[in-house]
C-alpha atoms as a PDB file:
ATOM      1  CA  MET A   1     -24.207-111.929 -29.156  1.00  0.00           C
ATOM      2  CA  ASN A   2     -22.807-110.248 -26.059  1.00  0.00           C
ATOM      3  CA  ILE A   3     -21.120-106.856 -26.178  1.00  0.00           C
ATOM      4  CA  ASP A   4     -18.759-106.149 -23.312  1.00  0.00           C
ATOM      5  CA  LEU A   5     -18.236-102.397 -22.851  1.00  0.00           C
ATOM      6  CA  GLN A   6     -15.428-101.373 -20.530  1.00  0.00           C
ATOM      7  CA  ALA A   7     -14.104 -97.973 -19.540  1.00  0.00           C
ATOM      8  CA  ARG A   8     -10.469 -97.291 -20.120  1.00  0.00           C
ATOM      9  CA  GLU A   9      -8.632 -94.367 -18.627  1.00  0.00           C
ATOM     10  CA  ILE A  10      -6.066 -92.864 -20.971  1.00  0.00           C
ATOM     11  CA  THR A  11      -3.333 -90.941 -19.217  1.00  0.00           C
ATOM     12  CA  PRO A  12      -2.157 -88.008 -21.348  1.00  0.00           C
ATOM     13  CA  LEU A  13       1.549 -87.781 -22.059  1.00  0.00           C
ATOM     14  CA  ARG A  14       1.419 -84.099 -21.126  1.00  0.00           C
ATOM     15  CA  ASN A  15      -1.278 -81.813 -19.747  1.00  0.00           C
ATOM     16  CA  THR A  16      -0.710 -78.645 -21.740  1.00  0.00           C
ATOM     17  CA  PHE A  17       1.447 -77.061 -24.423  1.00  0.00           C
ATOM     18  CA  ASP A  18       5.181 -76.778 -23.788  1.00  0.00           C
ATOM     19  CA  HIS A  19       5.170 -72.963 -24.041  1.00  0.00           C
ATOM     20  CA  VAL A  20       2.429 -72.822 -21.391  1.00  0.00           C
ATOM     21  CA  ALA A  21       4.071 -75.445 -19.182  1.00  0.00           C
ATOM     22  CA  ARG A  22       7.190 -73.288 -18.982  1.00  0.00           C
ATOM     23  CA  HIS A  23       5.133 -70.812 -16.977  1.00  0.00           C
ATOM     24  CA  ILE A  24       2.780 -72.983 -14.910  1.00  0.00           C
ATOM     25  CA  GLY A  25       4.374 -76.446 -14.965  1.00  0.00           C
ATOM     26  CA  ASP A  26       2.982 -79.611 -16.522  1.00  0.00           C
ATOM     27  CA  LYS A  27      -0.601 -79.321 -15.328  1.00  0.00           C
ATOM     28  CA  VAL A  28      -3.967 -78.711 -16.920  1.00  0.00           C
ATOM     29  CA  ALA A  29      -4.157 -75.090 -18.065  1.00  0.00           C
ATOM     30  CA  SER A  30      -7.192 -72.845 -18.242  1.00  0.00           C
ATOM     31  CA  ARG A  31      -8.291 -71.413 -21.580  1.00  0.00           C
ATOM     32  CA  TYR A  32      -7.016 -68.025 -20.429  1.00  0.00           C
ATOM     33  CA  GLN A  33      -3.582 -69.454 -19.702  1.00  0.00           C
ATOM     34  CA  GLU A  34      -3.454 -71.259 -23.037  1.00  0.00           C
ATOM     35  CA  ALA A  35      -4.400 -68.068 -24.874  1.00  0.00           C
ATOM     36  CA  THR A  36      -1.937 -65.892 -22.962  1.00  0.00           C
ATOM     37  CA  TYR A  37       1.223 -67.588 -21.709  1.00  0.00           C
ATOM     38  CA  GLY A  38       4.086 -67.948 -24.139  1.00  0.00           C
ATOM     39  CA  ALA A  39       2.310 -66.133 -26.955  1.00  0.00           C
ATOM     40  CA  GLN A  40       4.644 -63.139 -27.026  1.00  0.00           C
ATOM     41  CA  PRO A  41       7.173 -63.367 -29.913  1.00  0.00           C
ATOM     42  CA  MET A  42      10.663 -63.101 -28.425  1.00  0.00           C
ATOM     43  CA  VAL A  43      13.269 -64.304 -30.936  1.00  0.00           C
ATOM     44  CA  ASN A  44      14.052 -64.672 -34.640  1.00  0.00           C
ATOM     45  CA  PHE A  45      13.090 -61.155 -35.703  1.00  0.00           C
ATOM     46  CA  HIS A  46      14.420 -60.520 -39.211  1.00  0.00           C
ATOM     47  CA  TYR A  47      15.326 -56.860 -38.784  1.00  0.00           C
ATOM     48  CA  ARG A  48      14.760 -53.894 -36.542  1.00  0.00           C
ATOM     49  CA  PRO A  49      11.960 -51.551 -37.609  1.00  0.00           C
ATOM     50  CA  THR A  50      13.262 -48.799 -39.858  1.00  0.00           C
ATOM     51  CA  TRP A  51      11.093 -46.272 -38.026  1.00  0.00           C
ATOM     52  CA  ASP A  52      12.668 -47.221 -34.655  1.00  0.00           C
ATOM     53  CA  PRO A  53      16.065 -48.863 -35.154  1.00  0.00           C
ATOM     54  CA  ALA A  54      16.902 -48.480 -31.446  1.00  0.00           C
ATOM     55  CA  HIS A  55      14.417 -51.230 -30.574  1.00  0.00           C
ATOM     56  CA  ALA A  56      13.521 -54.708 -31.726  1.00  0.00           C
ATOM     57  CA  LEU A  57      10.058 -55.271 -33.184  1.00  0.00           C
ATOM     58  CA  PHE A  58       8.810 -56.445 -29.779  1.00  0.00           C
ATOM     59  CA  ASP A  59      10.988 -54.871 -27.118  1.00  0.00           C
ATOM     60  CA  ALA A  60      10.454 -54.687 -23.359  1.00  0.00           C
ATOM     61  CA  SER A  61      12.952 -51.818 -23.142  1.00  0.00           C
ATOM     62  CA  ARG A  62      10.404 -49.448 -24.666  1.00  0.00           C
ATOM     63  CA  SER A  63       9.155 -49.034 -21.094  1.00  0.00           C
ATOM     64  CA  GLN A  64      11.124 -47.868 -18.074  1.00  0.00           C
ATOM     65  CA  ILE A  65       9.280 -50.498 -16.045  1.00  0.00           C
ATOM     66  CA  VAL A  66      11.467 -53.556 -15.577  1.00  0.00           C
ATOM     67  CA  LEU A  67       9.892 -56.967 -14.978  1.00  0.00           C
ATOM     68  CA  ALA A  68      11.608 -60.337 -14.818  1.00  0.00           C
ATOM     69  CA  ASP A  69       8.513 -61.899 -16.351  1.00  0.00           C
ATOM     70  CA  TRP A  70       5.911 -59.755 -18.117  1.00  0.00           C
ATOM     71  CA  TYR A  71       3.365 -62.539 -17.711  1.00  0.00           C
ATOM     72  CA  VAL A  72       3.119 -61.501 -14.054  1.00  0.00           C
ATOM     73  CA  LEU A  73       0.651 -58.871 -15.299  1.00  0.00           C
ATOM     74  CA  LYS A  74      -2.271 -61.286 -15.167  1.00  0.00           C
ATOM     75  CA  ASP A  75      -5.857 -60.206 -15.798  1.00  0.00           C
ATOM     76  CA  PRO A  76      -8.041 -61.126 -12.766  1.00  0.00           C
ATOM     77  CA  ARG A  77     -11.038 -61.304 -15.144  1.00  0.00           C
ATOM     78  CA  GLN A  78      -9.122 -63.935 -17.170  1.00  0.00           C
ATOM     79  CA  PHE A  79     -10.287 -62.366 -20.412  1.00  0.00           C
ATOM     80  CA  TYR A  80      -9.211 -63.818 -23.706  1.00  0.00           C
ATOM     81  CA  TYR A  81     -11.083 -63.192 -26.939  1.00  0.00           C
ATOM     82  CA  ALA A  82     -13.943 -65.650 -26.331  1.00  0.00           C
ATOM     83  CA  THR A  83     -14.704 -64.677 -22.723  1.00  0.00           C
ATOM     84  CA  TRP A  84     -14.388 -60.981 -23.524  1.00  0.00           C
ATOM     85  CA  THR A  85     -16.786 -61.152 -26.474  1.00  0.00           C
ATOM     86  CA  MET A  86     -19.326 -63.222 -24.530  1.00  0.00           C
ATOM     87  CA  THR A  87     -19.253 -60.763 -21.631  1.00  0.00           C
ATOM     88  CA  ARG A  88     -19.670 -57.748 -23.877  1.00  0.00           C
ATOM     89  CA  ALA A  89     -22.427 -59.473 -25.866  1.00  0.00           C
ATOM     90  CA  ARG A  90     -24.473 -59.921 -22.684  1.00  0.00           C
ATOM     91  CA  GLN A  91     -23.935 -56.265 -21.803  1.00  0.00           C
ATOM     92  CA  GLN A  92     -24.887 -55.216 -25.317  1.00  0.00           C
ATOM     93  CA  ASP A  93     -28.140 -57.169 -25.019  1.00  0.00           C
ATOM     94  CA  ALA A  94     -28.876 -55.373 -21.749  1.00  0.00           C
ATOM     95  CA  MET A  95     -28.193 -51.986 -23.334  1.00  0.00           C
ATOM     96  CA  GLU A  96     -30.447 -52.793 -26.292  1.00  0.00           C
ATOM     97  CA  SER A  97     -33.208 -53.734 -23.852  1.00  0.00           C
ATOM     98  CA  ASN A  98     -32.707 -50.445 -22.005  1.00  0.00           C
ATOM     99  CA  LEU A  99     -32.896 -48.473 -25.240  1.00  0.00           C
ATOM    100  CA  GLN A 100     -36.056 -50.277 -26.308  1.00  0.00           C
ATOM    101  CA  PHE A 101     -37.632 -49.721 -22.875  1.00  0.00           C
ATOM    102  CA  VAL A 102     -36.823 -46.005 -22.946  1.00  0.00           C
ATOM    103  CA  GLU A 103     -38.032 -45.492 -26.527  1.00  0.00           C
ATOM    104  CA  GLN A 104     -41.296 -47.435 -26.137  1.00  0.00           C
ATOM    105  CA  ARG A 105     -42.276 -45.367 -23.105  1.00  0.00           C
ATOM    106  CA  GLY A 106     -41.093 -42.018 -24.460  1.00  0.00           C
ATOM    107  CA  MET A 107     -39.003 -41.444 -21.358  1.00  0.00           C
ATOM    108  CA  LEU A 108     -36.605 -39.022 -23.016  1.00  0.00           C
ATOM    109  CA  SER A 109     -39.457 -36.747 -24.063  1.00  0.00           C
ATOM    110  CA  MET A 110     -40.331 -36.331 -20.379  1.00  0.00           C
ATOM    111  CA  LEU A 111     -37.029 -34.597 -19.636  1.00  0.00           C
ATOM    112  CA  SER A 112     -37.178 -30.867 -19.017  1.00  0.00           C
ATOM    113  CA  ASP A 113     -35.481 -28.709 -21.630  1.00  0.00           C
ATOM    114  CA  ALA A 114     -32.923 -27.536 -19.065  1.00  0.00           C
ATOM    115  CA  LEU A 115     -32.004 -31.087 -18.043  1.00  0.00           C
ATOM    116  CA  ARG A 116     -31.816 -32.234 -21.661  1.00  0.00           C
ATOM    117  CA  GLU A 117     -29.529 -29.336 -22.539  1.00  0.00           C
ATOM    118  CA  LYS A 118     -27.269 -29.923 -19.522  1.00  0.00           C
ATOM    119  CA  THR A 119     -27.027 -33.667 -20.254  1.00  0.00           C
ATOM    120  CA  LEU A 120     -26.018 -33.130 -23.861  1.00  0.00           C
ATOM    121  CA  ASP A 121     -23.691 -30.293 -22.883  1.00  0.00           C
ATOM    122  CA  VAL A 122     -21.714 -32.579 -20.566  1.00  0.00           C
ATOM    123  CA  LEU A 123     -21.882 -35.979 -22.264  1.00  0.00           C
ATOM    124  CA  MET A 124     -21.521 -35.300 -25.979  1.00  0.00           C
ATOM    125  CA  PRO A 125     -17.933 -33.947 -25.874  1.00  0.00           C
ATOM    126  CA  LEU A 126     -16.905 -37.111 -24.036  1.00  0.00           C
ATOM    127  CA  ARG A 127     -17.307 -39.062 -27.285  1.00  0.00           C
ATOM    128  CA  HIS A 128     -13.950 -37.562 -28.263  1.00  0.00           C
ATOM    129  CA  ALA A 129     -12.332 -38.349 -24.899  1.00  0.00           C
ATOM    130  CA  ALA A 130     -13.390 -41.979 -25.387  1.00  0.00           C
ATOM    131  CA  TRP A 131     -11.883 -41.941 -28.871  1.00  0.00           C
ATOM    132  CA  GLY A 132      -8.603 -40.735 -27.347  1.00  0.00           C
ATOM    133  CA  ALA A 133      -8.724 -43.604 -24.856  1.00  0.00           C
ATOM    134  CA  ASN A 134      -9.316 -45.991 -27.758  1.00  0.00           C
ATOM    135  CA  MET A 135      -6.220 -44.685 -29.548  1.00  0.00           C
ATOM    136  CA  ASN A 136      -4.100 -44.826 -26.398  1.00  0.00           C
ATOM    137  CA  ASN A 137      -4.951 -48.423 -25.619  1.00  0.00           C
ATOM    138  CA  ALA A 138      -4.312 -49.409 -29.225  1.00  0.00           C
ATOM    139  CA  SER A 139      -0.876 -47.814 -28.784  1.00  0.00           C
ATOM    140  CA  ILE A 140      -0.312 -49.800 -25.567  1.00  0.00           C
ATOM    141  CA  CYS A 141      -1.129 -52.971 -27.484  1.00  0.00           C
ATOM    142  CA  ALA A 142       1.164 -52.006 -30.362  1.00  0.00           C
ATOM    143  CA  TYR A 143       4.226 -50.991 -28.349  1.00  0.00           C
ATOM    144  CA  GLY A 144       3.781 -52.868 -25.065  1.00  0.00           C
ATOM    145  CA  TYR A 145       5.417 -56.190 -24.266  1.00  0.00           C
ATOM    146  CA  GLY A 146       3.887 -59.454 -23.119  1.00  0.00           C
ATOM    147  CA  THR A 147       0.543 -60.859 -24.228  1.00  0.00           C
ATOM    148  CA  ALA A 148      -0.821 -60.638 -20.688  1.00  0.00           C
ATOM    149  CA  PHE A 149      -0.366 -56.858 -20.943  1.00  0.00           C
ATOM    150  CA  THR A 150      -1.116 -56.107 -24.582  1.00  0.00           C
ATOM    151  CA  ALA A 151      -4.108 -58.358 -25.326  1.00  0.00           C
ATOM    152  CA  PRO A 152      -6.408 -56.867 -22.636  1.00  0.00           C
ATOM    153  CA  ALA A 153      -5.263 -53.409 -23.753  1.00  0.00           C
ATOM    154  CA  MET A 154      -6.708 -54.117 -27.207  1.00  0.00           C
ATOM    155  CA  PHE A 155      -9.968 -55.292 -25.623  1.00  0.00           C
ATOM    156  CA  HIS A 156      -9.930 -52.055 -23.598  1.00  0.00           C
ATOM    157  CA  ALA A 157      -9.407 -50.037 -26.769  1.00  0.00           C
ATOM    158  CA  MET A 158     -12.493 -51.558 -28.362  1.00  0.00           C
ATOM    159  CA  ASP A 159     -14.466 -51.061 -25.138  1.00  0.00           C
ATOM    160  CA  ASN A 160     -13.710 -47.349 -25.333  1.00  0.00           C
ATOM    161  CA  LEU A 161     -14.939 -47.323 -28.914  1.00  0.00           C
ATOM    162  CA  GLY A 162     -18.128 -48.903 -27.582  1.00  0.00           C
ATOM    163  CA  VAL A 163     -18.428 -46.142 -24.962  1.00  0.00           C
ATOM    164  CA  ALA A 164     -18.184 -43.530 -27.722  1.00  0.00           C
ATOM    165  CA  GLN A 165     -20.868 -45.356 -29.706  1.00  0.00           C
ATOM    166  CA  TYR A 166     -23.220 -45.537 -26.723  1.00  0.00           C
ATOM    167  CA  LEU A 167     -22.815 -41.787 -26.248  1.00  0.00           C
ATOM    168  CA  THR A 168     -23.519 -41.315 -29.945  1.00  0.00           C
ATOM    169  CA  ARG A 169     -26.745 -43.321 -29.669  1.00  0.00           C
ATOM    170  CA  LEU A 170     -27.750 -41.297 -26.610  1.00  0.00           C
ATOM    171  CA  GLY A 171     -27.184 -38.071 -28.516  1.00  0.00           C
ATOM    172  CA  LEU A 172     -29.219 -39.271 -31.492  1.00  0.00           C
ATOM    173  CA  ALA A 173     -32.018 -40.485 -29.205  1.00  0.00           C
ATOM    174  CA  MET A 174     -32.160 -37.083 -27.468  1.00  0.00           C
ATOM    175  CA  GLY A 175     -31.673 -35.005 -30.610  1.00  0.00           C
ATOM    176  CA  ASP A 176     -30.270 -35.513 -34.105  1.00  0.00           C
ATOM    177  CA  ALA A 177     -26.987 -35.430 -36.013  1.00  0.00           C
ATOM    178  CA  GLN A 178     -26.620 -31.745 -35.194  1.00  0.00           C
ATOM    179  CA  THR A 179     -26.480 -32.718 -31.527  1.00  0.00           C
ATOM    180  CA  LEU A 180     -23.280 -34.649 -32.212  1.00  0.00           C
ATOM    181  CA  ASP A 181     -21.813 -31.782 -34.229  1.00  0.00           C
ATOM    182  CA  ASP A 182     -22.567 -29.385 -31.402  1.00  0.00           C
ATOM    183  CA  GLY A 183     -20.768 -31.687 -28.958  1.00  0.00           C
ATOM    184  CA  LYS A 184     -17.734 -31.785 -31.242  1.00  0.00           C
ATOM    185  CA  GLN A 185     -17.720 -28.008 -31.488  1.00  0.00           C
ATOM    186  CA  ARG A 186     -17.795 -27.662 -27.708  1.00  0.00           C
ATOM    187  CA  TRP A 187     -14.876 -30.112 -27.482  1.00  0.00           C
ATOM    188  CA  LEU A 188     -12.936 -27.933 -29.940  1.00  0.00           C
ATOM    189  CA  ASP A 189     -13.877 -24.464 -28.719  1.00  0.00           C
ATOM    190  CA  ALA A 190     -15.647 -24.320 -25.334  1.00  0.00           C
ATOM    191  CA  PRO A 191     -13.235 -23.041 -22.642  1.00  0.00           C
ATOM    192  CA  GLU A 192     -14.299 -25.612 -20.021  1.00  0.00           C
ATOM    193  CA  TRP A 193     -13.260 -28.504 -22.292  1.00  0.00           C
ATOM    194  CA  GLN A 194      -9.865 -27.265 -23.433  1.00  0.00           C
ATOM    195  CA  GLY A 195      -7.991 -28.599 -20.397  1.00  0.00           C
ATOM    196  CA  LEU A 196      -9.303 -32.128 -20.920  1.00  0.00           C
ATOM    197  CA  ARG A 197      -8.814 -31.877 -24.674  1.00  0.00           C
ATOM    198  CA  ARG A 198      -5.179 -30.851 -24.218  1.00  0.00           C
ATOM    199  CA  LEU A 199      -4.659 -33.651 -21.707  1.00  0.00           C
ATOM    200  CA  VAL A 200      -6.053 -36.236 -24.137  1.00  0.00           C
ATOM    201  CA  GLU A 201      -3.917 -34.891 -26.982  1.00  0.00           C
ATOM    202  CA  ASP A 202      -0.790 -34.885 -24.807  1.00  0.00           C
ATOM    203  CA  THR A 203      -1.287 -38.546 -23.921  1.00  0.00           C
ATOM    204  CA  LEU A 204      -1.430 -39.443 -27.610  1.00  0.00           C
ATOM    205  CA  VAL A 205       2.321 -38.841 -27.867  1.00  0.00           C
ATOM    206  CA  VAL A 206       3.452 -40.604 -24.669  1.00  0.00           C
ATOM    207  CA  GLN A 207       6.131 -43.082 -25.745  1.00  0.00           C
ATOM    208  CA  ASP A 208       6.370 -45.417 -22.736  1.00  0.00           C
ATOM    209  CA  PRO A 209       3.480 -47.918 -23.005  1.00  0.00           C
ATOM    210  CA  PHE A 210       3.252 -48.485 -19.244  1.00  0.00           C
ATOM    211  CA  GLU A 211       3.267 -44.761 -18.505  1.00  0.00           C
ATOM    212  CA  LEU A 212       0.482 -44.404 -21.067  1.00  0.00           C
ATOM    213  CA  PHE A 213      -1.382 -47.207 -19.296  1.00  0.00           C
ATOM    214  CA  VAL A 214      -1.087 -45.339 -15.987  1.00  0.00           C
ATOM    215  CA  ALA A 215      -1.985 -41.988 -17.540  1.00  0.00           C
ATOM    216  CA  GLN A 216      -5.074 -43.137 -19.435  1.00  0.00           C
ATOM    217  CA  ASN A 217      -6.495 -46.155 -17.657  1.00  0.00           C
ATOM    218  CA  LEU A 218      -5.582 -45.329 -14.076  1.00  0.00           C
ATOM    219  CA  ALA A 219      -5.432 -41.544 -13.776  1.00  0.00           C
ATOM    220  CA  ILE A 220      -7.745 -40.039 -16.404  1.00  0.00           C
ATOM    221  CA  ASP A 221     -10.435 -42.738 -16.395  1.00  0.00           C
ATOM    222  CA  GLY A 222     -10.057 -43.149 -12.631  1.00  0.00           C
ATOM    223  CA  LEU A 223     -11.264 -39.577 -12.125  1.00  0.00           C
ATOM    224  CA  LEU A 224     -13.482 -39.014 -15.175  1.00  0.00           C
ATOM    225  CA  TYR A 225     -15.821 -42.004 -14.865  1.00  0.00           C
ATOM    226  CA  PRO A 226     -16.742 -41.627 -11.161  1.00  0.00           C
ATOM    227  CA  LEU A 227     -17.241 -37.887 -11.673  1.00  0.00           C
ATOM    228  CA  VAL A 228     -19.318 -37.973 -14.854  1.00  0.00           C
ATOM    229  CA  TYR A 229     -21.236 -41.244 -14.626  1.00  0.00           C
ATOM    230  CA  GLY A 230     -21.403 -41.348 -10.837  1.00  0.00           C
ATOM    231  CA  ALA A 231     -21.701 -37.833  -9.424  1.00  0.00           C
ATOM    232  CA  PHE A 232     -23.300 -36.268 -12.521  1.00  0.00           C
ATOM    233  CA  VAL A 233     -25.478 -38.933 -14.174  1.00  0.00           C
ATOM    234  CA  ASP A 234     -26.469 -41.189 -11.264  1.00  0.00           C
ATOM    235  CA  GLU A 235     -26.537 -38.633  -8.456  1.00  0.00           C
ATOM    236  CA  HIS A 236     -27.665 -35.513 -10.314  1.00  0.00           C
ATOM    237  CA  VAL A 237     -29.403 -36.179 -13.623  1.00  0.00           C
ATOM    238  CA  ALA A 238     -31.250 -39.315 -12.485  1.00  0.00           C
ATOM    239  CA  LEU A 239     -32.558 -37.616  -9.343  1.00  0.00           C
ATOM    240  CA  GLN A 240     -34.005 -34.764 -11.432  1.00  0.00           C
ATOM    241  CA  GLY A 241     -36.088 -37.068 -13.600  1.00  0.00           C
ATOM    242  CA  GLY A 242     -33.330 -38.290 -15.914  1.00  0.00           C
ATOM    243  CA  THR A 243     -33.618 -41.994 -15.153  1.00  0.00           C
ATOM    244  CA  ALA A 244     -33.650 -42.648 -18.893  1.00  0.00           C
ATOM    245  CA  VAL A 245     -30.185 -41.085 -19.213  1.00  0.00           C
ATOM    246  CA  ALA A 246     -28.870 -43.317 -16.430  1.00  0.00           C
ATOM    247  CA  MET A 247     -30.325 -46.361 -18.196  1.00  0.00           C
ATOM    248  CA  LEU A 248     -28.743 -45.438 -21.530  1.00  0.00           C
ATOM    249  CA  THR A 249     -25.334 -44.924 -19.925  1.00  0.00           C
ATOM    250  CA  SER A 250     -25.493 -47.852 -17.483  1.00  0.00           C
ATOM    251  CA  PHE A 251     -22.720 -49.671 -19.354  1.00  0.00           C
ATOM    252  CA  MET A 252     -20.140 -47.021 -18.472  1.00  0.00           C
ATOM    253  CA  PRO A 253     -20.040 -47.267 -14.648  1.00  0.00           C
ATOM    254  CA  GLU A 254     -20.457 -51.048 -14.800  1.00  0.00           C
ATOM    255  CA  TRP A 255     -17.591 -51.319 -17.279  1.00  0.00           C
ATOM    256  CA  HIS A 256     -15.375 -48.971 -15.281  1.00  0.00           C
ATOM    257  CA  ALA A 257     -15.865 -50.972 -12.072  1.00  0.00           C
ATOM    258  CA  GLU A 258     -14.987 -54.190 -13.922  1.00  0.00           C
ATOM    259  CA  THR A 259     -11.945 -52.863 -15.753  1.00  0.00           C
ATOM    260  CA  ALA A 260     -10.627 -51.117 -12.625  1.00  0.00           C
ATOM    261  CA  ARG A 261      -9.919 -54.590 -11.242  1.00  0.00           C
ATOM    262  CA  TRP A 262      -7.636 -55.259 -14.207  1.00  0.00           C
ATOM    263  CA  VAL A 263      -5.929 -51.865 -14.022  1.00  0.00           C
ATOM    264  CA  ASP A 264      -5.322 -52.139 -10.266  1.00  0.00           C
ATOM    265  CA  ALA A 265      -4.007 -55.705 -10.549  1.00  0.00           C
ATOM    266  CA  LEU A 266      -1.434 -54.703 -13.174  1.00  0.00           C
ATOM    267  CA  VAL A 267      -0.299 -51.624 -11.276  1.00  0.00           C
ATOM    268  CA  LYS A 268       0.003 -53.608  -8.046  1.00  0.00           C
ATOM    269  CA  ALA A 269       1.969 -56.433  -9.691  1.00  0.00           C
ATOM    270  CA  ALA A 270       4.382 -54.086 -11.474  1.00  0.00           C
ATOM    271  CA  ALA A 271       4.913 -51.922  -8.374  1.00  0.00           C
ATOM    272  CA  ALA A 272       5.585 -54.977  -6.207  1.00  0.00           C
ATOM    273  CA  GLU A 273       8.425 -56.093  -8.503  1.00  0.00           C
ATOM    274  CA  SER A 274      10.893 -53.478  -7.247  1.00  0.00           C
ATOM    275  CA  ASP A 275      11.191 -50.203  -5.364  1.00  0.00           C
ATOM    276  CA  ALA A 276      12.265 -48.531  -8.605  1.00  0.00           C
ATOM    277  CA  ASN A 277       9.064 -49.635 -10.319  1.00  0.00           C
ATOM    278  CA  ARG A 278       6.947 -48.492  -7.385  1.00  0.00           C
ATOM    279  CA  ALA A 279       8.584 -45.064  -7.289  1.00  0.00           C
ATOM    280  CA  LEU A 280       8.248 -44.567 -11.037  1.00  0.00           C
ATOM    281  CA  ILE A 281       4.604 -45.675 -11.228  1.00  0.00           C
ATOM    282  CA  SER A 282       3.767 -43.524  -8.193  1.00  0.00           C
ATOM    283  CA  GLN A 283       5.396 -40.546  -9.905  1.00  0.00           C
ATOM    284  CA  TRP A 284       3.415 -41.151 -13.100  1.00  0.00           C
ATOM    285  CA  ALA A 285       0.146 -41.620 -11.214  1.00  0.00           C
ATOM    286  CA  ALA A 286       0.675 -38.403  -9.243  1.00  0.00           C
ATOM    287  CA  HIS A 287       1.627 -36.377 -12.334  1.00  0.00           C
ATOM    288  CA  TRP A 288      -1.212 -37.536 -14.564  1.00  0.00           C
ATOM    289  CA  SER A 289      -3.872 -37.518 -11.845  1.00  0.00           C
ATOM    290  CA  ASP A 290      -2.925 -33.927 -10.956  1.00  0.00           C
ATOM    291  CA  ARG A 291      -3.329 -32.962 -14.594  1.00  0.00           C
ATOM    292  CA  ALA A 292      -6.621 -34.871 -14.844  1.00  0.00           C
ATOM    293  CA  GLN A 293      -7.937 -33.140 -11.721  1.00  0.00           C
ATOM    294  CA  ALA A 294      -7.042 -29.723 -13.125  1.00  0.00           C
ATOM    295  CA  ALA A 295      -8.622 -30.585 -16.499  1.00  0.00           C
ATOM    296  CA  LEU A 296     -11.825 -31.875 -14.915  1.00  0.00           C
ATOM    297  CA  THR A 297     -12.297 -28.937 -12.518  1.00  0.00           C
ATOM    298  CA  PRO A 298     -14.116 -26.702 -15.054  1.00  0.00           C
ATOM    299  CA  VAL A 299     -16.046 -29.740 -16.349  1.00  0.00           C
ATOM    300  CA  ALA A 300     -17.237 -30.529 -12.800  1.00  0.00           C
ATOM    301  CA  GLU A 301     -18.317 -26.909 -12.322  1.00  0.00           C
ATOM    302  CA  ARG A 302     -20.116 -26.930 -15.665  1.00  0.00           C
ATOM    303  CA  ALA A 303     -21.901 -30.180 -14.844  1.00  0.00           C
ATOM    304  CA  LEU A 304     -22.710 -29.735 -11.155  1.00  0.00           C
ATOM    305  CA  GLY A 305     -22.462 -26.021 -10.552  1.00  0.00           C
ATOM    306  CA  ALA A 306     -21.510 -25.068  -7.006  1.00  0.00           C
ATOM    307  CA  GLN A 307     -21.404 -28.750  -6.022  1.00  0.00           C
ATOM    308  CA  GLY A 308     -18.779 -29.524  -8.654  1.00  0.00           C
ATOM    309  CA  PRO A 309     -15.609 -28.866  -6.613  1.00  0.00           C
ATOM    310  CA  ALA A 310     -16.837 -30.968  -3.692  1.00  0.00           C
ATOM    311  CA  ALA A 311     -17.843 -33.827  -5.995  1.00  0.00           C
ATOM    312  CA  LEU A 312     -14.447 -33.784  -7.706  1.00  0.00           C
ATOM    313  CA  SER A 313     -12.702 -33.641  -4.329  1.00  0.00           C
ATOM    314  CA  ASP A 314     -14.570 -36.789  -3.246  1.00  0.00           C
ATOM    315  CA  VAL A 315     -13.561 -38.535  -6.467  1.00  0.00           C
ATOM    316  CA  VAL A 316      -9.911 -37.572  -5.961  1.00  0.00           C
ATOM    317  CA  GLU A 317      -9.989 -38.857  -2.390  1.00  0.00           C
ATOM    318  CA  GLN A 318     -11.382 -42.200  -3.569  1.00  0.00           C
ATOM    319  CA  PHE A 319      -8.738 -42.344  -6.295  1.00  0.00           C
ATOM    320  CA  GLN A 320      -5.926 -41.763  -3.817  1.00  0.00           C
ATOM    321  CA  ALA A 321      -7.251 -44.556  -1.590  1.00  0.00           C
ATOM    322  CA  ARG A 322      -7.389 -46.822  -4.626  1.00  0.00           C
ATOM    323  CA  CYS A 323      -3.756 -46.061  -5.498  1.00  0.00           C
ATOM    324  CA  LYS A 324      -2.649 -46.653  -1.921  1.00  0.00           C
ATOM    325  CA  LYS A 325      -4.358 -50.037  -1.967  1.00  0.00           C
ATOM    326  CA  ALA A 326      -2.437 -50.882  -5.159  1.00  0.00           C
ATOM    327  CA  GLY A 327       0.847 -50.167  -3.374  1.00  0.00           C
ATOM    328  CA  LEU A 328       1.540 -46.674  -4.714  1.00  0.00           C
ATOM    329  CA  ALA A 329       2.672 -43.647  -2.745  1.00  0.00           C
ATOM    330  CA  LEU A 330       1.155 -40.468  -4.196  1.00  0.00           C
END
């Protein structure tokens, strides 16, 4: 008996879903495009929310930013749930390896008492700043418009929760539960932290989701992360024998560099839409970065002493160059 096997090419009737094709045409879509385009509910809402009758349940007018198509806010990382979780899982494995390496070799016990105290003094209160960033990005997801904008914001919210947890593990590795309580008390009472604490609390009530995005993800994080995890941890603590601290916080600068690509891409796309958008985003960036700089000035002095103002000035200069590259005029 002979069996004749032949290949047959089957031409698909269409290459992607209709709601995706409306944005990219009838061509093969990436997983990111399938998970993002056309997913925003737009019609057939039963009633307006009783807690905000001026707006529909999903309403682009909650922001002063006006876009013809909110899907223009594309994520250059092309994160959807699967790619985001796989990326973070690899980073989590790396952090677990770092923690095991540090613990097996007793590297934290080699720190001087002064360096240990300074590290905990600066890093432990930041658990609460990361919690504020988590809340703010959850708010962006809740009240923002367009899946391309809101879905990565939720990923960003959970990333900030991860940052807080990594700081918690660092505190427990260097001390005990009292170490965390002491950090909370400094966040509540220490004079050098009250500017940043007030700034975080003020952002919690910002109503415009895109202004909140600029305030938290561009301005505050854009100054805090390079200052704390760059100038303080990598360039100060690590050089004084605190390599273990740099290893146990290595996720933070790596994450910030990655997510800055997303933040910059969204700001650039929204600003390029119109002169009105550019002027408004520039105004927000200037206002919130000025407040962040003022709030971080005593933190920089506490962390770096006499070198603090110069380090913060360098960070601000880099931030301004970053905003200029994104099309803003500060």
